[in-house]
């Protein structure tokens, strides 16, 4: 197979994976929207009800993990520097995102106490595990999808 044929096959595979990922994300979006528009229990915000529904079975972490109240309204901006009409300017912002800063370590005792599966071994301390925060991983994937389209 020629180099062009190999690249074309790779592009097709990437496209299939991206389309499958987008379809799954769309289904999850539909699910979240249906949860947001259901009747909610008295005294619970739509976000609180959504969170309660999504994580009602059992949480990996016990209790209130960060002590943050879910009472902040956030204004959604449809146009930002990441969606600038000038692709060069927008791409510069996307390129500047640090998606590698989500690696953390946790002591094994703490991970066990919180019900977290032990992570890969920390290279110079076998009493710690290495974890990649999901938000950083998700951001990494979003950046990769953006530049693949």
N, C-alpha and C. Protein backbone atom coordinates (compact mmCIF):
# COMPACT_ATOMS: atom_id res chain seq x y z
N UNK A 1 0.84 -1.18 0.00
CA UNK A 1 0.00 0.00 0.00
C UNK A 1 0.89 1.24 0.00
N UNK A 2 0.50 2.22 -0.75
CA UNK A 2 1.28 3.45 -0.85
C UNK A 2 1.11 4.29 0.40
N UNK A 3 1.99 5.26 0.57
CA UNK A 3 1.91 6.14 1.72
C UNK A 3 0.59 6.92 1.71
N UNK A 4 0.15 7.34 0.54
CA UNK A 4 -1.13 8.05 0.43
C UNK A 4 -2.28 7.15 0.84
N UNK A 5 -2.21 5.87 0.45
CA UNK A 5 -3.26 4.91 0.82
C UNK A 5 -3.29 4.67 2.32
N UNK A 6 -2.13 4.60 2.94
CA UNK A 6 -2.05 4.40 4.39
C UNK A 6 -2.64 5.61 5.11
N UNK A 7 -2.28 6.82 4.65
CA UNK A 7 -2.82 8.03 5.27
C UNK A 7 -4.34 8.09 5.10
N UNK A 8 -4.82 7.71 3.92
CA UNK A 8 -6.27 7.73 3.67
C UNK A 8 -6.99 6.75 4.59
N UNK A 9 -6.43 5.55 4.76
CA UNK A 9 -7.01 4.56 5.66
C UNK A 9 -7.04 5.09 7.09
N UNK A 10 -5.94 5.74 7.49
CA UNK A 10 -5.88 6.31 8.84
C UNK A 10 -6.93 7.40 9.01
N UNK A 11 -7.10 8.25 8.02
CA UNK A 11 -8.10 9.31 8.08
C UNK A 11 -9.51 8.72 8.18
N UNK A 12 -9.77 7.65 7.45
CA UNK A 12 -11.09 7.01 7.51
C UNK A 12 -11.34 6.45 8.90
N UNK A 13 -10.34 5.80 9.47
CA UNK A 13 -10.49 5.24 10.82
C UNK A 13 -10.74 6.34 11.84
N UNK A 14 -9.98 7.42 11.76
CA UNK A 14 -10.17 8.54 12.68
C UNK A 14 -11.57 9.12 12.52
N UNK A 15 -12.02 9.26 11.28
CA UNK A 15 -13.36 9.80 11.03
C UNK A 15 -14.43 8.91 11.64
N UNK A 16 -14.29 7.61 11.49
CA UNK A 16 -15.27 6.67 12.07
C UNK A 16 -15.31 6.81 13.59
N UNK A 17 -14.14 6.88 14.22
CA UNK A 17 -14.09 7.01 15.68
C UNK A 17 -14.70 8.34 16.11
N UNK A 18 -14.39 9.41 15.40
CA UNK A 18 -14.94 10.72 15.76
C UNK A 18 -16.45 10.76 15.59
N UNK A 19 -16.96 10.18 14.50
CA UNK A 19 -18.41 10.16 14.29
C UNK A 19 -19.09 9.35 15.38
N UNK A 20 -18.51 8.20 15.74
CA UNK A 20 -19.09 7.39 16.82
C UNK A 20 -19.08 8.16 18.13
N UNK A 21 -17.98 8.85 18.42
CA UNK A 21 -17.89 9.65 19.64
C UNK A 21 -18.92 10.77 19.65
N UNK A 22 -19.06 11.46 18.51
CA UNK A 22 -20.04 12.55 18.44
C UNK A 22 -21.46 12.02 18.62
N UNK A 23 -21.75 10.84 18.05
CA UNK A 23 -23.09 10.25 18.21
C UNK A 23 -23.37 9.93 19.68
N UNK A 24 -22.39 9.34 20.36
CA UNK A 24 -22.57 9.03 21.78
C UNK A 24 -22.74 10.31 22.60
N UNK A 25 -21.96 11.34 22.28
CA UNK A 25 -22.12 12.62 22.98
C UNK A 25 -23.49 13.22 22.72
N UNK A 26 -24.00 13.10 21.49
CA UNK A 26 -25.33 13.62 21.16
C UNK A 26 -26.39 12.89 21.98
N UNK A 27 -26.26 11.56 22.09
CA UNK A 27 -27.22 10.80 22.89
C UNK A 27 -27.17 11.23 24.35
N UNK A 28 -25.97 11.44 24.87
CA UNK A 28 -25.84 11.89 26.25
C UNK A 28 -26.45 13.28 26.40
N UNK A 29 -26.26 14.14 25.40
CA UNK A 29 -26.86 15.47 25.44
C UNK A 29 -28.37 15.42 25.49
N UNK A 30 -28.96 14.54 24.68
CA UNK A 30 -30.42 14.37 24.68
C UNK A 30 -30.88 13.91 26.06
N UNK A 31 -30.14 12.96 26.65
CA UNK A 31 -30.48 12.46 27.97
C UNK A 31 -30.43 13.58 29.01
N UNK A 32 -29.37 14.38 28.97
CA UNK A 32 -29.22 15.48 29.92
C UNK A 32 -30.34 16.49 29.74
N UNK A 33 -30.67 16.83 28.50
CA UNK A 33 -31.76 17.79 28.25
C UNK A 33 -33.08 17.25 28.78
N UNK A 34 -33.36 15.96 28.58
CA UNK A 34 -34.61 15.40 29.11
C UNK A 34 -34.63 15.49 30.63
N UNK A 35 -33.48 15.30 31.27
CA UNK A 35 -33.43 15.42 32.72
C UNK A 35 -33.67 16.86 33.17
N UNK A 36 -33.15 17.81 32.42
CA UNK A 36 -33.31 19.21 32.79
C UNK A 36 -34.75 19.68 32.70
N UNK A 37 -35.53 19.10 31.78
CA UNK A 37 -36.90 19.58 31.58
C UNK A 37 -37.95 18.73 32.29
N UNK A 38 -37.53 17.75 33.06
CA UNK A 38 -38.47 17.00 33.89
C UNK A 38 -38.86 17.85 35.09
N UNK A 39 -39.97 17.48 35.70
CA UNK A 39 -40.34 18.18 36.93
C UNK A 39 -39.30 17.85 37.98
N UNK A 40 -38.95 18.84 38.77
CA UNK A 40 -37.91 18.63 39.75
C UNK A 40 -38.48 18.66 41.16
N UNK A 41 -37.82 17.95 42.08
CA UNK A 41 -38.27 17.98 43.47
C UNK A 41 -38.17 19.39 44.03
N UNK A 42 -39.06 19.71 44.96
CA UNK A 42 -39.06 21.04 45.57
C UNK A 42 -37.73 21.31 46.26
N UNK A 43 -37.21 22.51 46.07
CA UNK A 43 -36.00 22.92 46.75
C UNK A 43 -34.71 22.49 46.07
N UNK A 44 -34.80 21.84 44.93
CA UNK A 44 -33.60 21.37 44.25
C UNK A 44 -33.49 22.08 42.91
N UNK A 45 -32.35 22.66 42.63
CA UNK A 45 -32.17 23.33 41.35
C UNK A 45 -32.13 22.28 40.24
N UNK A 46 -32.30 22.74 38.99
CA UNK A 46 -32.22 21.79 37.87
C UNK A 46 -30.86 21.12 37.84
N UNK A 47 -29.79 21.88 38.09
CA UNK A 47 -28.46 21.29 38.11
C UNK A 47 -28.33 20.28 39.25
N UNK A 48 -28.86 20.64 40.41
CA UNK A 48 -28.82 19.73 41.55
C UNK A 48 -29.57 18.45 41.28
N UNK A 49 -30.74 18.57 40.63
CA UNK A 49 -31.52 17.38 40.30
C UNK A 49 -30.80 16.54 39.26
N UNK A 50 -30.19 17.20 38.28
CA UNK A 50 -29.43 16.48 37.25
C UNK A 50 -28.27 15.73 37.90
N UNK A 51 -27.53 16.41 38.75
CA UNK A 51 -26.39 15.79 39.42
C UNK A 51 -26.86 14.62 40.27
N UNK A 52 -27.96 14.82 41.00
CA UNK A 52 -28.50 13.76 41.85
C UNK A 52 -28.91 12.55 41.01
N UNK A 53 -29.51 12.79 39.84
CA UNK A 53 -29.94 11.71 38.97
C UNK A 53 -28.75 10.98 38.36
N UNK A 54 -27.77 11.72 37.87
CA UNK A 54 -26.63 11.09 37.22
C UNK A 54 -25.77 10.29 38.19
N UNK A 55 -25.68 10.74 39.43
CA UNK A 55 -24.76 10.11 40.37
C UNK A 55 -25.47 9.47 41.56
N UNK A 56 -26.74 9.11 41.39
CA UNK A 56 -27.51 8.63 42.53
C UNK A 56 -27.11 7.23 42.98
N UNK A 57 -26.62 6.38 42.10
CA UNK A 57 -26.34 5.00 42.48
C UNK A 57 -25.30 4.95 43.59
N UNK A 58 -24.05 5.25 43.24
CA UNK A 58 -23.03 5.36 44.26
C UNK A 58 -21.88 6.18 43.71
N UNK A 59 -21.38 7.02 44.53
CA UNK A 59 -20.29 7.88 44.11
C UNK A 59 -18.97 7.23 44.46
N UNK A 60 -17.95 7.46 43.64
CA UNK A 60 -16.63 6.96 43.98
C UNK A 60 -16.11 7.64 45.24
N UNK A 61 -16.45 8.90 45.38
CA UNK A 61 -16.00 9.64 46.54
C UNK A 61 -17.13 9.76 47.54
N UNK A 62 -16.80 9.63 48.80
CA UNK A 62 -17.82 9.71 49.84
C UNK A 62 -17.97 11.16 50.29
N UNK A 63 -19.21 11.57 50.47
CA UNK A 63 -19.46 12.88 51.04
C UNK A 63 -19.26 14.02 50.05
N UNK A 64 -19.14 15.19 50.61
CA UNK A 64 -19.00 16.41 49.84
C UNK A 64 -17.52 16.58 49.50
N UNK A 65 -17.16 16.41 48.22
CA UNK A 65 -15.76 16.35 47.85
C UNK A 65 -15.04 17.68 47.90
N UNK A 66 -15.71 18.77 47.58
CA UNK A 66 -15.01 20.05 47.56
C UNK A 66 -15.69 21.10 48.42
N UNK A 67 -16.85 20.81 48.95
CA UNK A 67 -17.54 21.78 49.79
C UNK A 67 -18.09 22.96 49.01
N UNK A 68 -18.30 22.81 47.72
CA UNK A 68 -18.79 23.91 46.90
C UNK A 68 -20.31 23.87 46.79
N UNK A 69 -20.94 25.02 47.00
CA UNK A 69 -22.39 25.12 46.83
C UNK A 69 -22.69 25.24 45.34
N UNK A 70 -23.76 24.64 44.91
CA UNK A 70 -24.16 24.73 43.51
C UNK A 70 -25.20 25.83 43.35
N UNK A 71 -24.75 27.05 43.61
CA UNK A 71 -25.68 28.16 43.59
C UNK A 71 -25.19 29.31 42.71
N UNK A 72 -24.24 29.06 41.84
CA UNK A 72 -23.69 30.09 40.98
C UNK A 72 -24.31 30.01 39.59
N UNK A 73 -24.78 31.15 39.09
CA UNK A 73 -25.28 31.20 37.73
C UNK A 73 -24.12 31.60 36.82
N UNK A 74 -23.99 30.89 35.71
CA UNK A 74 -22.92 31.17 34.77
C UNK A 74 -23.55 31.59 33.45
N UNK A 75 -23.10 32.73 32.93
CA UNK A 75 -23.62 33.24 31.68
C UNK A 75 -22.93 32.51 30.54
N UNK A 76 -23.71 31.98 29.62
CA UNK A 76 -23.17 31.26 28.47
C UNK A 76 -22.92 32.27 27.35
N UNK A 77 -21.72 32.26 26.81
CA UNK A 77 -21.35 33.14 25.70
C UNK A 77 -21.16 32.27 24.46
N UNK A 78 -21.99 32.48 23.44
CA UNK A 78 -21.92 31.66 22.23
C UNK A 78 -20.68 31.98 21.41
N UNK A 79 -20.19 33.22 21.50
CA UNK A 79 -19.01 33.59 20.72
C UNK A 79 -17.89 33.95 21.68
N UNK A 80 -16.78 33.22 21.59
CA UNK A 80 -15.62 33.49 22.43
C UNK A 80 -14.38 33.53 21.56
N UNK A 81 -13.24 33.74 22.20
CA UNK A 81 -11.99 33.75 21.44
C UNK A 81 -11.69 32.39 20.82
N UNK A 82 -12.31 31.33 21.35
CA UNK A 82 -12.11 29.98 20.80
C UNK A 82 -12.95 29.74 19.54
N UNK A 83 -13.94 30.59 19.31
CA UNK A 83 -14.79 30.43 18.13
C UNK A 83 -14.72 31.65 17.22
N UNK A 84 -13.58 32.32 17.28
CA UNK A 84 -13.37 33.53 16.48
C UNK A 84 -13.50 33.22 14.99
N UNK A 85 -14.04 34.16 14.23
CA UNK A 85 -14.14 33.99 12.78
C UNK A 85 -12.76 33.87 12.14
N UNK A 86 -11.78 34.46 12.77
CA UNK A 86 -10.40 34.36 12.31
C UNK A 86 -9.83 33.04 12.84
N UNK A 87 -9.73 32.03 11.96
CA UNK A 87 -9.27 30.69 12.38
C UNK A 87 -7.88 30.72 13.00
N UNK A 88 -7.01 31.57 12.49
CA UNK A 88 -5.66 31.65 13.04
C UNK A 88 -5.69 32.10 14.49
N UNK A 89 -6.50 33.11 14.79
CA UNK A 89 -6.62 33.60 16.17
C UNK A 89 -7.27 32.55 17.06
N UNK A 90 -8.33 31.92 16.58
CA UNK A 90 -9.01 30.89 17.37
C UNK A 90 -8.08 29.71 17.63
N UNK A 91 -7.37 29.27 16.60
CA UNK A 91 -6.45 28.13 16.76
C UNK A 91 -5.35 28.43 17.76
N UNK A 92 -4.90 29.67 17.82
CA UNK A 92 -3.87 30.05 18.78
C UNK A 92 -4.37 29.84 20.21
N UNK A 93 -5.64 30.16 20.46
CA UNK A 93 -6.22 29.94 21.79
C UNK A 93 -6.34 28.46 22.09
N UNK A 94 -6.77 27.68 21.10
CA UNK A 94 -6.88 26.23 21.30
C UNK A 94 -5.51 25.62 21.56
N UNK A 95 -4.50 26.07 20.81
CA UNK A 95 -3.14 25.55 20.99
C UNK A 95 -2.58 25.88 22.36
N UNK A 96 -3.00 27.00 22.92
CA UNK A 96 -2.48 27.45 24.21
C UNK A 96 -3.06 26.68 25.40
N UNK A 97 -4.13 25.92 25.18
CA UNK A 97 -4.72 25.16 26.29
C UNK A 97 -3.76 24.10 26.79
N UNK A 98 -3.56 24.07 28.09
CA UNK A 98 -2.68 23.06 28.69
C UNK A 98 -3.54 21.87 29.12
N UNK A 99 -3.48 20.81 28.34
CA UNK A 99 -4.29 19.62 28.66
C UNK A 99 -3.47 18.57 29.38
N UNK A 100 -2.22 18.90 29.74
CA UNK A 100 -1.36 17.92 30.39
C UNK A 100 -1.20 18.17 31.88
N UNK A 101 -1.88 19.17 32.40
CA UNK A 101 -1.68 19.52 33.81
C UNK A 101 -2.62 18.76 34.74
N UNK A 102 -3.37 17.81 34.22
CA UNK A 102 -4.34 17.10 35.05
C UNK A 102 -3.81 15.85 35.72
N UNK A 103 -2.50 15.63 35.69
CA UNK A 103 -1.94 14.47 36.38
C UNK A 103 -1.74 14.80 37.84
N UNK A 104 -2.25 13.92 38.71
CA UNK A 104 -2.09 14.11 40.15
C UNK A 104 -1.66 12.78 40.76
N UNK A 105 -1.21 12.83 41.99
CA UNK A 105 -0.91 11.61 42.74
C UNK A 105 -1.73 11.61 44.01
N UNK A 106 -2.12 10.43 44.42
CA UNK A 106 -2.83 10.26 45.69
C UNK A 106 -2.16 9.14 46.47
N UNK A 107 -2.07 9.32 47.78
CA UNK A 107 -1.56 8.23 48.62
C UNK A 107 -2.56 7.08 48.55
N UNK A 108 -2.05 5.85 48.54
CA UNK A 108 -2.91 4.67 48.44
C UNK A 108 -3.93 4.60 49.58
N UNK A 109 -3.50 4.97 50.79
CA UNK A 109 -4.42 4.93 51.93
C UNK A 109 -5.62 5.85 51.69
N UNK A 110 -5.35 7.04 51.18
CA UNK A 110 -6.43 7.99 50.88
C UNK A 110 -7.33 7.45 49.78
N UNK A 111 -6.74 6.91 48.73
CA UNK A 111 -7.54 6.36 47.62
C UNK A 111 -8.45 5.24 48.12
N UNK A 112 -7.91 4.35 48.94
CA UNK A 112 -8.73 3.26 49.50
C UNK A 112 -9.86 3.82 50.36
N UNK A 113 -9.54 4.80 51.19
CA UNK A 113 -10.53 5.42 52.07
C UNK A 113 -11.68 6.05 51.27
N UNK A 114 -11.35 6.63 50.13
CA UNK A 114 -12.35 7.28 49.29
C UNK A 114 -13.02 6.32 48.30
N UNK A 115 -12.60 5.07 48.29
CA UNK A 115 -13.20 4.09 47.39
C UNK A 115 -12.72 4.24 45.95
N UNK A 116 -11.52 4.79 45.76
CA UNK A 116 -10.97 5.00 44.42
C UNK A 116 -10.07 3.82 44.08
N UNK A 117 -10.20 3.30 42.88
CA UNK A 117 -9.33 2.23 42.42
C UNK A 117 -7.89 2.73 42.41
N UNK A 118 -6.96 1.91 42.87
CA UNK A 118 -5.57 2.33 42.92
C UNK A 118 -5.05 2.60 41.52
N UNK A 119 -4.32 3.71 41.40
CA UNK A 119 -3.79 4.12 40.10
C UNK A 119 -2.45 3.46 39.80
N UNK A 120 -1.91 3.80 38.63
CA UNK A 120 -0.59 3.31 38.26
C UNK A 120 0.41 3.79 39.30
N UNK A 121 1.46 3.04 39.51
CA UNK A 121 2.44 3.38 40.55
C UNK A 121 3.18 4.65 40.23
N UNK A 122 3.35 5.48 41.24
CA UNK A 122 4.15 6.68 41.13
C UNK A 122 5.60 6.21 41.07
N UNK A 123 6.40 6.69 40.11
CA UNK A 123 7.72 6.11 39.85
C UNK A 123 8.65 5.98 41.06
N UNK A 124 8.71 6.96 41.95
CA UNK A 124 9.67 6.88 43.04
C UNK A 124 9.02 6.78 44.41
N UNK A 125 7.72 6.40 44.45
CA UNK A 125 7.07 6.18 45.73
C UNK A 125 5.96 5.15 45.52
N UNK A 126 6.20 3.92 45.94
CA UNK A 126 5.22 2.85 45.68
C UNK A 126 3.99 2.91 46.59
N UNK A 127 3.90 3.96 47.41
CA UNK A 127 2.72 4.16 48.26
C UNK A 127 1.74 5.17 47.65
N UNK A 128 2.04 5.60 46.41
CA UNK A 128 1.19 6.58 45.73
C UNK A 128 0.80 6.06 44.35
N UNK A 129 -0.39 6.49 43.91
CA UNK A 129 -0.85 6.18 42.57
C UNK A 129 -0.94 7.45 41.73
N UNK A 130 -0.84 7.29 40.42
CA UNK A 130 -0.92 8.41 39.49
C UNK A 130 -2.31 8.39 38.86
N UNK A 131 -2.95 9.55 38.80
CA UNK A 131 -4.30 9.67 38.25
C UNK A 131 -4.35 10.84 37.28
N UNK A 132 -5.16 10.70 36.24
CA UNK A 132 -5.37 11.79 35.29
C UNK A 132 -6.79 12.29 35.51
N UNK A 133 -6.94 13.54 35.90
CA UNK A 133 -8.26 14.10 36.16
C UNK A 133 -9.11 14.03 34.91
N UNK A 134 -10.33 13.59 35.05
CA UNK A 134 -11.20 13.39 33.89
C UNK A 134 -11.40 14.67 33.10
N UNK A 135 -11.53 15.79 33.79
CA UNK A 135 -11.76 17.04 33.07
C UNK A 135 -10.59 17.36 32.13
N UNK A 136 -9.38 17.10 32.57
CA UNK A 136 -8.21 17.33 31.71
C UNK A 136 -8.21 16.38 30.53
N UNK A 137 -8.60 15.13 30.80
CA UNK A 137 -8.66 14.15 29.70
C UNK A 137 -9.73 14.55 28.70
N UNK A 138 -10.89 14.96 29.18
CA UNK A 138 -11.97 15.39 28.28
C UNK A 138 -11.53 16.60 27.45
N UNK A 139 -10.87 17.56 28.09
CA UNK A 139 -10.39 18.73 27.37
C UNK A 139 -9.37 18.32 26.30
N UNK A 140 -8.49 17.41 26.64
CA UNK A 140 -7.51 16.89 25.68
C UNK A 140 -8.22 16.31 24.46
N UNK A 141 -9.26 15.51 24.69
CA UNK A 141 -10.01 14.89 23.58
C UNK A 141 -10.74 15.94 22.74
N UNK A 142 -11.33 16.93 23.40
CA UNK A 142 -12.04 17.99 22.67
C UNK A 142 -11.07 18.74 21.75
N UNK A 143 -9.88 19.04 22.26
CA UNK A 143 -8.88 19.74 21.44
C UNK A 143 -8.51 18.87 20.23
N UNK A 144 -8.30 17.58 20.46
CA UNK A 144 -7.94 16.67 19.36
C UNK A 144 -9.06 16.60 18.32
N UNK A 145 -10.31 16.54 18.78
CA UNK A 145 -11.45 16.50 17.84
C UNK A 145 -11.52 17.81 17.06
N UNK A 146 -11.33 18.95 17.73
CA UNK A 146 -11.40 20.25 17.07
C UNK A 146 -10.39 20.32 15.91
N UNK A 147 -9.17 19.86 16.14
CA UNK A 147 -8.15 19.95 15.10
C UNK A 147 -8.26 18.83 14.08
N UNK A 148 -9.08 17.83 14.35
CA UNK A 148 -9.28 16.74 13.38
C UNK A 148 -10.38 17.06 12.36
N UNK A 149 -11.21 18.03 12.69
CA UNK A 149 -12.35 18.34 11.82
C UNK A 149 -11.93 19.27 10.72
